[in-house]
């Protein structure tokens, strides 16, 4: 069930339907997330991390980069010292330079908007 909610949220995010995407991600996260975060703990930690990453992308699209940084919670999968952080906004974490580069077309607009507000 969490997979369906997560996939639907990705489609809604791409369509710019942010409110609907947020509802679906909330449902997916409640199913997948660790019980210490109020979730059911159903599924591998990697699945919960994917949903949290999608939630972070939603927050970026909403212009809420500080919230994106909070929800991403990279400590669930990696040690902080292993991660790269966006040097411009410091709100998005990456596991590698290659992934950071691949994500730049998506992250560029909210990142620059955040930097111009600072």
PDB file of N, CA and C in Angstrom:
ATOM      1  N   UNK A   1       0.805  -1.180   0.000  1.00  0.00           N
ATOM      2  CA  UNK A   1       0.000   0.000   0.000  1.00  0.00           C
ATOM      3  C   UNK A   1       0.859   1.259   0.000  1.00  0.00           C
ATOM      4  N   UNK A   2       1.937   1.273   0.769  1.00  0.00           N
ATOM      5  CA  UNK A   2       2.820   2.436   0.814  1.00  0.00           C
ATOM      6  C   UNK A   2       3.423   2.716  -0.557  1.00  0.00           C
ATOM      7  N   UNK A   3       3.712   1.656  -1.302  1.00  0.00           N
ATOM      8  CA  UNK A   3       4.282   1.834  -2.635  1.00  0.00           C
ATOM      9  C   UNK A   3       3.309   2.604  -3.518  1.00  0.00           C
ATOM     10  N   UNK A   4       2.044   2.258  -3.459  1.00  0.00           N
ATOM     11  CA  UNK A   4       1.025   2.942  -4.255  1.00  0.00           C
ATOM     12  C   UNK A   4       0.938   4.407  -3.867  1.00  0.00           C
ATOM     13  N   UNK A   5       0.889   4.703  -2.568  1.00  0.00           N
ATOM     14  CA  UNK A   5       0.820   6.087  -2.114  1.00  0.00           C
ATOM     15  C   UNK A   5       2.052   6.866  -2.565  1.00  0.00           C
ATOM     16  N   UNK A   6       3.224   6.239  -2.433  1.00  0.00           N
ATOM     17  CA  UNK A   6       4.463   6.907  -2.806  1.00  0.00           C
ATOM     18  C   UNK A   6       4.510   7.192  -4.307  1.00  0.00           C
ATOM     19  N   UNK A   7       4.180   6.198  -5.111  1.00  0.00           N
ATOM     20  CA  UNK A   7       4.191   6.374  -6.573  1.00  0.00           C
ATOM     21  C   UNK A   7       3.180   7.431  -7.017  1.00  0.00           C
ATOM     22  N   UNK A   8       2.004   7.404  -6.429  1.00  0.00           N
ATOM     23  CA  UNK A   8       0.982   8.387  -6.760  1.00  0.00           C
ATOM     24  C   UNK A   8       1.466   9.792  -6.395  1.00  0.00           C
ATOM     25  N   UNK A   9       2.124   9.912  -5.261  1.00  0.00           N
ATOM     26  CA  UNK A   9       2.627  11.226  -4.841  1.00  0.00           C
ATOM     27  C   UNK A   9       3.679  11.751  -5.819  1.00  0.00           C
ATOM     28  N   UNK A  10       4.523  10.871  -6.350  1.00  0.00           N
ATOM     29  CA  UNK A  10       5.527  11.296  -7.332  1.00  0.00           C
ATOM     30  C   UNK A  10       4.850  11.851  -8.583  1.00  0.00           C
ATOM     31  N   UNK A  11       3.801  11.183  -9.037  1.00  0.00           N
ATOM     32  CA  UNK A  11       3.060  11.661 -10.205  1.00  0.00           C
ATOM     33  C   UNK A  11       2.397  13.002  -9.925  1.00  0.00           C
ATOM     34  N   UNK A  12       1.781  13.133  -8.763  1.00  0.00           N
ATOM     35  CA  UNK A  12       1.114  14.385  -8.406  1.00  0.00           C
ATOM     36  C   UNK A  12       2.112  15.529  -8.278  1.00  0.00           C
ATOM     37  N   UNK A  13       3.283  15.232  -7.742  1.00  0.00           N
ATOM     38  CA  UNK A  13       4.328  16.244  -7.625  1.00  0.00           C
ATOM     39  C   UNK A  13       4.757  16.729  -9.004  1.00  0.00           C
ATOM     40  N   UNK A  14       4.927  15.794  -9.934  1.00  0.00           N
ATOM     41  CA  UNK A  14       5.301  16.153 -11.304  1.00  0.00           C
ATOM     42  C   UNK A  14       4.229  17.007 -11.977  1.00  0.00           C
ATOM     43  N   UNK A  15       2.973  16.778 -11.612  1.00  0.00           N
ATOM     44  CA  UNK A  15       1.860  17.542 -12.181  1.00  0.00           C
ATOM     45  C   UNK A  15       1.644  18.872 -11.472  1.00  0.00           C
ATOM     46  N   UNK A  16       2.410  19.121 -10.415  1.00  0.00           N
ATOM     47  CA  UNK A  16       2.276  20.370  -9.675  1.00  0.00           C
ATOM     48  C   UNK A  16       1.115  20.386  -8.700  1.00  0.00           C
ATOM     49  N   UNK A  17       0.548  19.228  -8.419  1.00  0.00           N
ATOM     50  CA  UNK A  17      -0.574  19.129  -7.471  1.00  0.00           C
ATOM     51  C   UNK A  17       0.004  18.843  -6.090  1.00  0.00           C
ATOM     52  N   UNK A  18       0.536  19.898  -5.490  1.00  0.00           N
ATOM     53  CA  UNK A  18       1.324  19.747  -4.270  1.00  0.00           C
ATOM     54  C   UNK A  18       0.492  19.331  -3.063  1.00  0.00           C
ATOM     55  N   UNK A  19      -0.722  19.858  -2.921  1.00  0.00           N
ATOM     56  CA  UNK A  19      -1.558  19.478  -1.779  1.00  0.00           C
ATOM     57  C   UNK A  19      -1.912  17.999  -1.816  1.00  0.00           C
ATOM     58  N   UNK A  20      -2.276  17.520  -3.005  1.00  0.00           N
ATOM     59  CA  UNK A  20      -2.622  16.109  -3.144  1.00  0.00           C
ATOM     60  C   UNK A  20      -1.399  15.220  -2.930  1.00  0.00           C
ATOM     61  N   UNK A  21      -0.240  15.662  -3.443  1.00  0.00           N
ATOM     62  CA  UNK A  21       1.000  14.909  -3.259  1.00  0.00           C
ATOM     63  C   UNK A  21       1.345  14.807  -1.778  1.00  0.00           C
ATOM     64  N   UNK A  22       1.133  15.890  -1.054  1.00  0.00           N
ATOM     65  CA  UNK A  22       1.433  15.887   0.379  1.00  0.00           C
ATOM     66  C   UNK A  22       0.564  14.874   1.127  1.00  0.00           C
ATOM     67  N   UNK A  23      -0.699  14.785   0.767  1.00  0.00           N
ATOM     68  CA  UNK A  23      -1.590  13.813   1.412  1.00  0.00           C
ATOM     69  C   UNK A  23      -1.113  12.384   1.167  1.00  0.00           C
ATOM     70  N   UNK A  24      -0.751  12.081  -0.081  1.00  0.00           N
ATOM     71  CA  UNK A  24      -0.302  10.728  -0.411  1.00  0.00           C
ATOM     72  C   UNK A  24       1.019  10.404   0.283  1.00  0.00           C
ATOM     73  N   UNK A  25       1.933  11.363   0.328  1.00  0.00           N
ATOM     74  CA  UNK A  25       3.216  11.120   0.997  1.00  0.00           C
ATOM     75  C   UNK A  25       3.029  10.922   2.493  1.00  0.00           C
ATOM     76  N   UNK A  26       2.118  11.671   3.072  1.00  0.00           N
ATOM     77  CA  UNK A  26       1.829  11.492   4.492  1.00  0.00           C
ATOM     78  C   UNK A  26       1.341  10.086   4.785  1.00  0.00           C
ATOM     79  N   UNK A  27       0.478   9.574   3.915  1.00  0.00           N
ATOM     80  CA  UNK A  27      -0.022   8.206   4.085  1.00  0.00           C
ATOM     81  C   UNK A  27       1.100   7.190   3.920  1.00  0.00           C
ATOM     82  N   UNK A  28       1.920   7.372   2.894  1.00  0.00           N
ATOM     83  CA  UNK A  28       3.032   6.441   2.660  1.00  0.00           C
ATOM     84  C   UNK A  28       4.004   6.455   3.826  1.00  0.00           C
ATOM     85  N   UNK A  29       4.301   7.639   4.330  1.00  0.00           N
ATOM     86  CA  UNK A  29       5.264   7.748   5.423  1.00  0.00           C
ATOM     87  C   UNK A  29       4.732   7.131   6.707  1.00  0.00           C
ATOM     88  N   UNK A  30       3.448   7.282   6.955  1.00  0.00           N
ATOM     89  CA  UNK A  30       2.859   6.671   8.157  1.00  0.00           C
ATOM     90  C   UNK A  30       2.973   5.151   8.111  1.00  0.00           C
ATOM     91  N   UNK A  31       2.866   4.575   6.931  1.00  0.00           N
ATOM     92  CA  UNK A  31       2.990   3.121   6.809  1.00  0.00           C
ATOM     93  C   UNK A  31       4.449   2.690   6.905  1.00  0.00           C
ATOM     94  N   UNK A  32       5.326   3.403   6.210  1.00  0.00           N
ATOM     95  CA  UNK A  32       6.712   2.965   6.079  1.00  0.00           C
ATOM     96  C   UNK A  32       7.621   3.348   7.228  1.00  0.00           C
ATOM     97  N   UNK A  33       7.383   4.485   7.817  1.00  0.00           N
ATOM     98  CA  UNK A  33       8.367   5.059   8.726  1.00  0.00           C
ATOM     99  C   UNK A  33       8.544   4.243  10.000  1.00  0.00           C
ATOM    100  N   UNK A  34       9.667   4.444  10.594  1.00  0.00           N
ATOM    101  CA  UNK A  34      10.018   3.790  11.847  1.00  0.00           C
ATOM    102  C   UNK A  34       8.978   4.113  12.910  1.00  0.00           C
ATOM    103  N   UNK A  35       8.700   3.168  13.757  1.00  0.00           N
ATOM    104  CA  UNK A  35       7.692   3.361  14.797  1.00  0.00           C
ATOM    105  C   UNK A  35       8.051   4.506  15.743  1.00  0.00           C
ATOM    106  N   UNK A  36       9.328   4.795  15.914  1.00  0.00           N
ATOM    107  CA  UNK A  36       9.728   5.890  16.800  1.00  0.00           C
ATOM    108  C   UNK A  36       9.352   7.249  16.216  1.00  0.00           C
ATOM    109  N   UNK A  37       9.022   7.288  14.926  1.00  0.00           N
ATOM    110  CA  UNK A  37       8.581   8.515  14.281  1.00  0.00           C
ATOM    111  C   UNK A  37       7.067   8.519  14.078  1.00  0.00           C
ATOM    112  N   UNK A  38       6.373   7.601  14.707  1.00  0.00           N
ATOM    113  CA  UNK A  38       4.916   7.548  14.603  1.00  0.00           C
ATOM    114  C   UNK A  38       4.399   6.684  13.476  1.00  0.00           C
ATOM    115  N   UNK A  39       5.283   6.004  12.770  1.00  0.00           N
ATOM    116  CA  UNK A  39       4.860   5.148  11.669  1.00  0.00           C
ATOM    117  C   UNK A  39       4.632   3.715  12.107  1.00  0.00           C
ATOM    118  N   UNK A  40       4.244   2.909  11.157  1.00  0.00           N
ATOM    119  CA  UNK A  40       3.978   1.500  11.440  1.00  0.00           C
ATOM    120  C   UNK A  40       5.241   0.657  11.360  1.00  0.00           C
ATOM    121  N   UNK A  41       6.269   1.182  10.728  1.00  0.00           N
ATOM    122  CA  UNK A  41       7.507   0.435  10.616  1.00  0.00           C
ATOM    123  C   UNK A  41       7.427  -0.713   9.633  1.00  0.00           C
ATOM    124  N   UNK A  42       6.479  -0.656   8.697  1.00  0.00           N
ATOM    125  CA  UNK A  42       6.312  -1.724   7.714  1.00  0.00           C
ATOM    126  C   UNK A  42       7.227  -1.468   6.529  1.00  0.00           C
ATOM    127  N   UNK A  43       8.093  -2.380   6.239  1.00  0.00           N
ATOM    128  CA  UNK A  43       8.970  -2.245   5.086  1.00  0.00           C
ATOM    129  C   UNK A  43      10.384  -1.873   5.478  1.00  0.00           C
ATOM    130  N   UNK A  44      11.301  -2.039   4.538  1.00  0.00           N
ATOM    131  CA  UNK A  44      12.711  -1.743   4.789  1.00  0.00           C
ATOM    132  C   UNK A  44      12.945  -0.258   5.046  1.00  0.00           C
ATOM    133  N   UNK A  45      14.009   0.039   5.778  1.00  0.00           N
ATOM    134  CA  UNK A  45      14.373   1.429   6.061  1.00  0.00           C
ATOM    135  C   UNK A  45      14.617   2.201   4.772  1.00  0.00           C
ATOM    136  N   UNK A  46      15.132   1.540   3.752  1.00  0.00           N
ATOM    137  CA  UNK A  46      15.408   2.222   2.488  1.00  0.00           C
ATOM    138  C   UNK A  46      14.110   2.750   1.879  1.00  0.00           C
ATOM    139  N   UNK A  47      13.019   1.993   2.004  1.00  0.00           N
ATOM    140  CA  UNK A  47      11.733   2.454   1.472  1.00  0.00           C
ATOM    141  C   UNK A  47      11.275   3.713   2.197  1.00  0.00           C
ATOM    142  N   UNK A  48      11.416   3.736   3.509  1.00  0.00           N
ATOM    143  CA  UNK A  48      11.047   4.929   4.283  1.00  0.00           C
ATOM    144  C   UNK A  48      11.930   6.102   3.885  1.00  0.00           C
ATOM    145  N   UNK A  49      13.201   5.845   3.627  1.00  0.00           N
ATOM    146  CA  UNK A  49      14.116   6.920   3.222  1.00  0.00           C
ATOM    147  C   UNK A  49      13.712   7.493   1.864  1.00  0.00           C
ATOM    148  N   UNK A  50      13.254   6.647   0.953  1.00  0.00           N
ATOM    149  CA  UNK A  50      12.792   7.118  -0.359  1.00  0.00           C
ATOM    150  C   UNK A  50      11.571   8.020  -0.197  1.00  0.00           C
ATOM    151  N   UNK A  51      10.643   7.611   0.640  1.00  0.00           N
ATOM    152  CA  UNK A  51       9.453   8.429   0.870  1.00  0.00           C
ATOM    153  C   UNK A  51       9.836   9.749   1.528  1.00  0.00           C
ATOM    154  N   UNK A  52      10.766   9.720   2.470  1.00  0.00           N
ATOM    155  CA  UNK A  52      11.218  10.963   3.108  1.00  0.00           C
ATOM    156  C   UNK A  52      11.903  11.863   2.079  1.00  0.00           C
ATOM    157  N   UNK A  53      12.644  11.295   1.164  1.00  0.00           N
ATOM    158  CA  UNK A  53      13.278  12.094   0.105  1.00  0.00           C
ATOM    159  C   UNK A  53      12.214  12.731  -0.775  1.00  0.00           C
ATOM    160  N   UNK A  54      11.171  11.983  -1.114  1.00  0.00           N
ATOM    161  CA  UNK A  54      10.083  12.550  -1.910  1.00  0.00           C
ATOM    162  C   UNK A  54       9.389  13.678  -1.154  1.00  0.00           C
ATOM    163  N   UNK A  55       9.234  13.499   0.155  1.00  0.00           N
ATOM    164  CA  UNK A  55       8.638  14.549   0.980  1.00  0.00           C
ATOM    165  C   UNK A  55       9.535  15.788   0.957  1.00  0.00           C
ATOM    166  N   UNK A  56      10.842  15.586   1.020  1.00  0.00           N
ATOM    167  CA  UNK A  56      11.776  16.715   0.960  1.00  0.00           C
ATOM    168  C   UNK A  56      11.653  17.439  -0.382  1.00  0.00           C
ATOM    169  N   UNK A  57      11.485  16.685  -1.471  1.00  0.00           N
ATOM    170  CA  UNK A  57      11.310  17.319  -2.781  1.00  0.00           C
ATOM    171  C   UNK A  57      10.006  18.108  -2.839  1.00  0.00           C
ATOM    172  N   UNK A  58       8.969  17.604  -2.189  1.00  0.00           N
ATOM    173  CA  UNK A  58       7.707  18.335  -2.105  1.00  0.00           C
ATOM    174  C   UNK A  58       7.919  19.650  -1.366  1.00  0.00           C
ATOM    175  N   UNK A  59       8.615  19.590  -0.230  1.00  0.00           N
ATOM    176  CA  UNK A  59       8.868  20.808   0.541  1.00  0.00           C
ATOM    177  C   UNK A  59       9.680  21.814  -0.285  1.00  0.00           C
ATOM    178  N   UNK A  60      10.623  21.324  -1.072  1.00  0.00           N
ATOM    179  CA  UNK A  60      11.379  22.214  -1.962  1.00  0.00           C
ATOM    180  C   UNK A  60      10.439  22.889  -2.956  1.00  0.00           C
ATOM    181  N   UNK A  61       9.551  22.115  -3.564  1.00  0.00           N
ATOM    182  CA  UNK A  61       8.610  22.663  -4.539  1.00  0.00           C
ATOM    183  C   UNK A  61       7.688  23.698  -3.897  1.00  0.00           C
ATOM    184  N   UNK A  62       7.417  23.539  -2.603  1.00  0.00           N
ATOM    185  CA  UNK A  62       6.587  24.485  -1.870  1.00  0.00           C
ATOM    186  C   UNK A  62       7.378  25.709  -1.413  1.00  0.00           C
ATOM    187  N   UNK A  63       8.689  25.691  -1.653  1.00  0.00           N
ATOM    188  CA  UNK A  63       9.536  26.790  -1.212  1.00  0.00           C
ATOM    189  C   UNK A  63       9.899  26.715   0.261  1.00  0.00           C
ATOM    190  N   UNK A  64       9.765  25.551   0.851  1.00  0.00           N
ATOM    191  CA  UNK A  64      10.015  25.348   2.283  1.00  0.00           C
ATOM    192  C   UNK A  64      11.291  24.528   2.462  1.00  0.00           C
ATOM    193  N   UNK A  65      12.444  25.112   2.086  1.00  0.00           N
ATOM    194  CA  UNK A  65      13.691  24.364   2.109  1.00  0.00           C
ATOM    195  C   UNK A  65      14.141  23.988   3.508  1.00  0.00           C
ATOM    196  N   UNK A  66      13.890  24.827   4.497  1.00  0.00           N
ATOM    197  CA  UNK A  66      14.277  24.464   5.859  1.00  0.00           C
ATOM    198  C   UNK A  66      13.509  23.218   6.300  1.00  0.00           C
ATOM    199  N   UNK A  67      12.234  23.126   5.928  1.00  0.00           N
ATOM    200  CA  UNK A  67      11.437  21.941   6.238  1.00  0.00           C
ATOM    201  C   UNK A  67      11.941  20.732   5.456  1.00  0.00           C
ATOM    202  N   UNK A  68      12.399  20.967   4.235  1.00  0.00           N
ATOM    203  CA  UNK A  68      12.946  19.871   3.423  1.00  0.00           C
ATOM    204  C   UNK A  68      14.152  19.263   4.127  1.00  0.00           C
ATOM    205  N   UNK A  69      14.972  20.107   4.682  1.00  0.00           N
ATOM    206  CA  UNK A  69      16.166  19.637   5.381  1.00  0.00           C
ATOM    207  C   UNK A  69      15.785  18.793   6.595  1.00  0.00           C
ATOM    208  N   UNK A  70      14.751  19.208   7.319  1.00  0.00           N
ATOM    209  CA  UNK A  70      14.320  18.482   8.509  1.00  0.00           C
ATOM    210  C   UNK A  70      13.759  17.102   8.176  1.00  0.00           C
ATOM    211  N   UNK A  71      12.909  17.018   7.164  1.00  0.00           N
ATOM    212  CA  UNK A  71      12.222  15.752   6.877  1.00  0.00           C
ATOM    213  C   UNK A  71      13.127  14.735   6.196  1.00  0.00           C
ATOM    214  N   UNK A  72      14.140  15.213   5.506  1.00  0.00           N
ATOM    215  CA  UNK A  72      14.998  14.298   4.768  1.00  0.00           C
ATOM    216  C   UNK A  72      15.693  13.305   5.690  1.00  0.00           C
ATOM    217  N   UNK A  73      16.111  13.755   6.842  1.00  0.00           N
ATOM    218  CA  UNK A  73      16.668  12.900   7.890  1.00  0.00           C
ATOM    219  C   UNK A  73      17.638  11.851   7.340  1.00  0.00           C
ATOM    220  N   UNK A  74      18.754  12.270   6.770  1.00  0.00           N
ATOM    221  CA  UNK A  74      19.674  11.309   6.153  1.00  0.00           C
ATOM    222  C   UNK A  74      20.326  10.352   7.144  1.00  0.00           C
ATOM    223  N   UNK A  75      20.283  10.649   8.419  1.00  0.00           N
ATOM    224  CA  UNK A  75      20.919   9.777   9.404  1.00  0.00           C
ATOM    225  C   UNK A  75      20.279   8.390   9.439  1.00  0.00           C
ATOM    226  N   UNK A  76      19.115   8.252   8.843  1.00  0.00           N
ATOM    227  CA  UNK A  76      18.468   6.945   8.833  1.00  0.00           C
ATOM    228  C   UNK A  76      19.228   5.933   7.984  1.00  0.00           C
ATOM    229  N   UNK A  77      19.933   6.386   6.987  1.00  0.00           N
ATOM    230  CA  UNK A  77      20.597   5.454   6.081  1.00  0.00           C
ATOM    231  C   UNK A  77      22.121   5.615   6.064  1.00  0.00           C
ATOM    232  N   UNK A  78      22.608   6.816   6.327  1.00  0.00           N
ATOM    233  CA  UNK A  78      24.036   7.099   6.206  1.00  0.00           C
ATOM    234  C   UNK A  78      24.525   7.855   7.433  1.00  0.00           C
ATOM    235  N   UNK A  79      25.786   7.777   7.692  1.00  0.00           N
ATOM    236  CA  UNK A  79      26.384   8.652   8.686  1.00  0.00           C
ATOM    237  C   UNK A  79      26.516  10.027   8.035  1.00  0.00           C
ATOM    238  N   UNK A  80      26.271  11.075   8.807  1.00  0.00           N
ATOM    239  CA  UNK A  80      26.306  12.428   8.258  1.00  0.00           C
ATOM    240  C   UNK A  80      27.640  12.708   7.578  1.00  0.00           C
ATOM    241  N   UNK A  81      28.717  12.210   8.149  1.00  0.00           N
ATOM    242  CA  UNK A  81      30.043  12.449   7.568  1.00  0.00           C
ATOM    243  C   UNK A  81      30.183  11.846   6.171  1.00  0.00           C
ATOM    244  N   UNK A  82      29.344  10.867   5.825  1.00  0.00           N
ATOM    245  CA  UNK A  82      29.412  10.229   4.512  1.00  0.00           C
ATOM    246  C   UNK A  82      28.664  11.023   3.444  1.00  0.00           C
ATOM    247  N   UNK A  83      27.853  11.980   3.850  1.00  0.00           N
ATOM    248  CA  UNK A  83      26.986  12.686   2.910  1.00  0.00           C
ATOM    249  C   UNK A  83      27.597  13.982   2.417  1.00  0.00           C
ATOM    250  N   UNK A  84      27.181  14.357   1.226  1.00  0.00           N
ATOM    251  CA  UNK A  84      27.513  15.657   0.660  1.00  0.00           C
ATOM    252  C   UNK A  84      26.297  16.549   0.870  1.00  0.00           C
ATOM    253  N   UNK A  85      26.519  17.811   1.056  1.00  0.00           N
ATOM    254  CA  UNK A  85      25.424  18.752   1.237  1.00  0.00           C
ATOM    255  C   UNK A  85      25.523  19.808   0.140  1.00  0.00           C
ATOM    256  N   UNK A  86      24.389  20.296  -0.314  1.00  0.00           N
ATOM    257  CA  UNK A  86      24.385  21.359  -1.315  1.00  0.00           C
ATOM    258  C   UNK A  86      25.126  22.562  -0.734  1.00  0.00           C
ATOM    259  N   UNK A  87      26.167  23.005  -1.396  1.00  0.00           N
ATOM    260  CA  UNK A  87      26.978  24.105  -0.869  1.00  0.00           C
ATOM    261  C   UNK A  87      26.265  25.446  -0.972  1.00  0.00           C
ATOM    262  N   UNK A  88      25.220  25.513  -1.764  1.00  0.00           N
ATOM    263  CA  UNK A  88      24.500  26.774  -1.932  1.00  0.00           C
ATOM    264  C   UNK A  88      23.464  26.993  -0.835  1.00  0.00           C
ATOM    265  N   UNK A  89      22.614  25.996  -0.567  1.00  0.00           N
ATOM    266  CA  UNK A  89      21.519  26.174   0.389  1.00  0.00           C
ATOM    267  C   UNK A  89      21.698  25.362   1.671  1.00  0.00           C
ATOM    268  N   UNK A  90      22.548  24.356   1.643  1.00  0.00           N
ATOM    269  CA  UNK A  90      22.786  23.462   2.783  1.00  0.00           C
ATOM    270  C   UNK A  90      21.522  22.761   3.269  1.00  0.00           C
ATOM    271  N   UNK A  91      20.564  22.577   2.381  1.00  0.00           N
ATOM    272  CA  UNK A  91      19.289  21.975   2.765  1.00  0.00           C
ATOM    273  C   UNK A  91      19.073  20.585   2.176  1.00  0.00           C
ATOM    274  N   UNK A  92      19.908  20.155   1.248  1.00  0.00           N
ATOM    275  CA  UNK A  92      19.712  18.869   0.596  1.00  0.00           C
ATOM    276  C   UNK A  92      20.998  18.069   0.728  1.00  0.00           C
ATOM    277  N   UNK A  93      20.850  16.804   1.079  1.00  0.00           N
ATOM    278  CA  UNK A  93      21.992  15.915   1.264  1.00  0.00           C
ATOM    279  C   UNK A  93      22.044  14.898   0.135  1.00  0.00           C
ATOM    280  N   UNK A  94      23.262  14.504  -0.219  1.00  0.00           N
ATOM    281  CA  UNK A  94      23.458  13.532  -1.294  1.00  0.00           C
ATOM    282  C   UNK A  94      24.466  12.483  -0.862  1.00  0.00           C
ATOM    283  N   UNK A  95      24.280  11.278  -1.391  1.00  0.00           N
ATOM    284  CA  UNK A  95      25.185  10.186  -1.057  1.00  0.00           C
ATOM    285  C   UNK A  95      26.452  10.209  -1.919  1.00  0.00           C
ATOM    286  N   UNK A  96      26.397  10.930  -3.050  1.00  0.00           N
ATOM    287  CA  UNK A  96      27.571  10.980  -3.924  1.00  0.00           C
ATOM    288  C   UNK A  96      27.522  12.229  -4.795  1.00  0.00           C
ATOM    289  N   UNK A  97      28.676  12.599  -5.332  1.00  0.00           N
ATOM    290  CA  UNK A  97      28.746  13.741  -6.240  1.00  0.00           C
ATOM    291  C   UNK A  97      27.949  13.466  -7.509  1.00  0.00           C
ATOM    292  N   UNK A  98      27.953  12.221  -7.954  1.00  0.00           N
ATOM    293  CA  UNK A  98      27.208  11.874  -9.172  1.00  0.00           C
ATOM    294  C   UNK A  98      25.707  12.076  -8.978  1.00  0.00           C
ATOM    295  N   UNK A  99      25.195  11.666  -7.824  1.00  0.00           N
ATOM    296  CA  UNK A  99      23.770  11.845  -7.560  1.00  0.00           C
ATOM    297  C   UNK A  99      23.439  13.326  -7.407  1.00  0.00           C
ATOM    298  N   UNK A 100      24.327  14.076  -6.766  1.00  0.00           N
ATOM    299  CA  UNK A 100      24.123  15.512  -6.613  1.00  0.00           C
ATOM    300  C   UNK A 100      24.057  16.188  -7.981  1.00  0.00           C
ATOM    301  N   UNK A 101      24.945  15.821  -8.863  1.00  0.00           N
ATOM    302  CA  UNK A 101      24.954  16.393 -10.210  1.00  0.00           C
ATOM    303  C   UNK A 101      23.688  16.007 -10.974  1.00  0.00           C
ATOM    304  N   UNK A 102      23.277  14.769 -10.857  1.00  0.00           N
ATOM    305  CA  UNK A 102      22.069  14.308 -11.551  1.00  0.00           C
ATOM    306  C   UNK A 102      20.816  15.003 -11.024  1.00  0.00           C
ATOM    307  N   UNK A 103      20.816  15.373  -9.760  1.00  0.00           N
ATOM    308  CA  UNK A 103      19.651  16.007  -9.149  1.00  0.00           C
ATOM    309  C   UNK A 103      19.616  17.523  -9.373  1.00  0.00           C
ATOM    310  N   UNK A 104      20.714  18.105  -9.839  1.00  0.00           N
ATOM    311  CA  UNK A 104      20.784  19.558  -9.974  1.00  0.00           C
ATOM    312  C   UNK A 104      19.678  20.158 -10.851  1.00  0.00           C
ATOM    313  N   UNK A 105      19.301  19.577 -11.979  1.00  0.00           N
ATOM    314  CA  UNK A 105      18.207  20.177 -12.761  1.00  0.00           C
ATOM    315  C   UNK A 105      16.902  20.311 -11.957  1.00  0.00           C
ATOM    316  N   UNK A 106      16.628  19.372 -11.079  1.00  0.00           N
ATOM    317  CA  UNK A 106      15.426  19.443 -10.251  1.00  0.00           C
ATOM    318  C   UNK A 106      15.612  20.415  -9.087  1.00  0.00           C
ATOM    319  N   UNK A 107      16.769  20.402  -8.467  1.00  0.00           N
ATOM    320  CA  UNK A 107      17.018  21.172  -7.255  1.00  0.00           C
ATOM    321  C   UNK A 107      17.383  22.642  -7.541  1.00  0.00           C
ATOM    322  N   UNK A 108      17.813  22.941  -8.739  1.00  0.00           N
ATOM    323  CA  UNK A 108      18.354  24.265  -9.062  1.00  0.00           C
ATOM    324  C   UNK A 108      17.399  25.412  -8.720  1.00  0.00           C
ATOM    325  N   UNK A 109      16.159  25.320  -9.165  1.00  0.00           N
ATOM    326  CA  UNK A 109      15.225  26.428  -8.983  1.00  0.00           C
ATOM    327  C   UNK A 109      14.918  26.712  -7.503  1.00  0.00           C
ATOM    328  N   UNK A 110      14.508  25.707  -6.712  1.00  0.00           N
ATOM    329  CA  UNK A 110      14.254  26.025  -5.296  1.00  0.00           C
ATOM    330  C   UNK A 110      15.520  26.438  -4.550  1.00  0.00           C
ATOM    331  N   UNK A 111      16.651  25.888  -4.932  1.00  0.00           N
ATOM    332  CA  UNK A 111      17.912  26.226  -4.281  1.00  0.00           C
ATOM    333  C   UNK A 111      18.249  27.700  -4.515  1.00  0.00           C
ATOM    334  N   UNK A 112      18.160  28.141  -5.738  1.00  0.00           N
ATOM    335  CA  UNK A 112      18.455  29.537  -6.058  1.00  0.00           C
ATOM    336  C   UNK A 112      17.444  30.486  -5.418  1.00  0.00           C
ATOM    337  N   UNK A 113      16.190  30.064  -5.364  1.00  0.00           N
ATOM    338  CA  UNK A 113      15.160  30.891  -4.717  1.00  0.00           C
ATOM    339  C   UNK A 113      15.455  31.028  -3.227  1.00  0.00           C
ATOM    340  N   UNK A 114      15.860  29.945  -2.596  1.00  0.00           N
ATOM    341  CA  UNK A 114      16.188  29.976  -1.175  1.00  0.00           C
ATOM    342  C   UNK A 114      17.381  30.887  -0.933  1.00  0.00           C
ATOM    343  N   UNK A 115      18.391  30.782  -1.770  1.00  0.00           N
ATOM    344  CA  UNK A 115      19.605  31.582  -1.613  1.00  0.00           C
ATOM    345  C   UNK A 115      19.291  33.067  -1.788  1.00  0.00           C
ATOM    346  N   UNK A 116      18.396  33.411  -2.717  1.00  0.00           N
ATOM    347  CA  UNK A 116      18.067  34.820  -2.944  1.00  0.00           C
ATOM    348  C   UNK A 116      17.262  35.405  -1.782  1.00  0.00           C
ATOM    349  N   UNK A 117      16.569  34.557  -1.015  1.00  0.00           N
ATOM    350  CA  UNK A 117      15.808  35.031   0.149  1.00  0.00           C
ATOM    351  C   UNK A 117      16.696  35.245   1.355  1.00  0.00           C
ATOM    352  N   UNK A 118      17.829  34.561   1.370  1.00  0.00           N
ATOM    353  CA  UNK A 118      18.727  34.636   2.538  1.00  0.00           C
ATOM    354  C   UNK A 118      19.485  35.945   2.596  1.00  0.00           C
TER     355      UNK A 118
END
